[in-house]
Amino acid sequence: METSAELHDLTGQAEEAVANTKSALSTATSSAADAMKNALVAADDFVHENPWIAVGVVAGIAGAVGFLAGLAAAPKSRFWS
């Protein structure tokens, strides 16, 4: 009988731990979603207020990615001799 009671207690503790974990995960997910929404709104506002800065940033990133892609695709003897 004692093992049955211990098993029942452990089952209750495990169920409580699972419920607490689900609640914490739900809270964290909600918080992360809110933070993402706030960041997107801030980025949208910035782009609407400063469109040419946003165009310049995108062009700079595209240029850097293009340079790195060209460097990776170039023959190695050309740069590493």
Protein backbone atom coordinates (compact mmCIF):
# COMPACT_ATOMS: atom_id res chain seq x y z
CA MET A 1 0.00 0.00 0.00
CA GLU A 2 2.78 2.41 0.77
CA THR A 3 4.24 2.15 -2.74
CA SER A 4 0.83 2.85 -4.24
CA ALA A 5 0.55 6.06 -2.24
CA GLU A 6 4.11 7.06 -3.18
CA LEU A 7 3.35 6.36 -6.84
CA HIS A 8 0.20 8.47 -6.62
CA ASP A 9 2.18 11.34 -5.04
CA LEU A 10 4.90 11.13 -7.71
CA THR A 11 2.28 11.10 -10.46
CA GLY A 12 0.68 14.21 -8.98
CA GLN A 13 4.05 15.95 -8.77
CA ALA A 14 4.87 15.05 -12.37
CA GLU A 15 1.51 16.33 -13.59
CA GLU A 16 2.02 19.57 -11.66
CA ALA A 17 5.52 19.99 -13.13
CA VAL A 18 4.16 19.46 -16.65
CA ALA A 19 1.39 22.00 -16.05
CA ASN A 20 3.90 24.55 -14.70
CA THR A 21 6.18 23.99 -17.68
CA LYS A 22 3.31 24.45 -20.13
CA SER A 23 2.31 27.67 -18.40
CA ALA A 24 5.87 29.02 -18.43
CA LEU A 25 6.30 28.12 -22.09
CA SER A 26 3.04 29.80 -22.99
CA THR A 27 4.10 32.96 -21.15
CA ALA A 28 7.51 32.97 -22.82
CA THR A 29 5.99 32.44 -26.26
CA SER A 30 3.52 35.26 -25.71
CA SER A 31 6.29 37.56 -24.50
CA ALA A 32 8.49 36.73 -27.49
CA ALA A 33 5.60 37.33 -29.89
CA ASP A 34 4.90 40.71 -28.32
CA ALA A 35 8.58 41.67 -28.57
CA MET A 36 8.65 40.63 -32.23
CA LYS A 37 5.54 42.68 -32.99
CA ASN A 38 7.04 45.73 -31.26
CA ALA A 39 10.28 45.34 -33.23
CA LEU A 40 8.39 45.04 -36.51
CA VAL A 41 6.32 48.13 -35.77
CA ALA A 42 9.48 50.08 -34.87
CA ALA A 43 11.21 48.94 -38.07
CA ASP A 44 8.16 49.84 -40.15
CA ASP A 45 8.01 53.30 -38.57
CA PHE A 46 11.73 53.84 -39.17
CA VAL A 47 11.50 52.84 -42.84
CA HIS A 48 8.50 55.13 -43.37
CA GLU A 49 10.29 58.04 -41.72
CA ASN A 50 13.69 57.43 -43.38
CA PRO A 51 13.19 55.55 -46.65
CA TRP A 52 16.54 56.45 -48.22
CA ILE A 53 18.50 55.29 -45.21
CA ALA A 54 16.70 51.96 -45.42
CA VAL A 55 17.50 51.72 -49.15
CA GLY A 56 21.16 52.45 -48.40
CA VAL A 57 21.33 49.80 -45.68
CA VAL A 58 19.76 47.18 -47.95
CA ALA A 59 22.12 48.12 -50.78
CA GLY A 60 25.13 47.85 -48.48
CA ILE A 61 24.06 44.44 -47.22
CA ALA A 62 23.39 43.25 -50.78
CA GLY A 63 26.82 44.50 -51.88
CA ALA A 64 28.55 42.72 -49.00
CA VAL A 65 26.70 39.47 -49.72
CA GLY A 66 27.54 39.77 -53.42
CA PHE A 67 31.21 40.39 -52.64
CA LEU A 68 31.39 37.39 -50.34
CA ALA A 69 29.59 35.19 -52.87
CA GLY A 70 32.02 36.26 -55.60
CA LEU A 71 34.97 35.66 -53.31
CA ALA A 72 33.70 32.18 -52.49
CA ALA A 73 33.06 31.35 -56.16
CA ALA A 74 36.39 32.71 -57.45
CA PRO A 75 39.28 30.35 -58.13
CA LYS A 76 41.37 30.01 -55.00
CA SER A 77 44.68 30.52 -56.84
CA ARG A 78 43.57 34.02 -57.78
CA PHE A 79 43.47 35.21 -54.16
CA TRP A 80 45.59 32.74 -52.21
CA SER A 81 48.76 32.36 -54.24
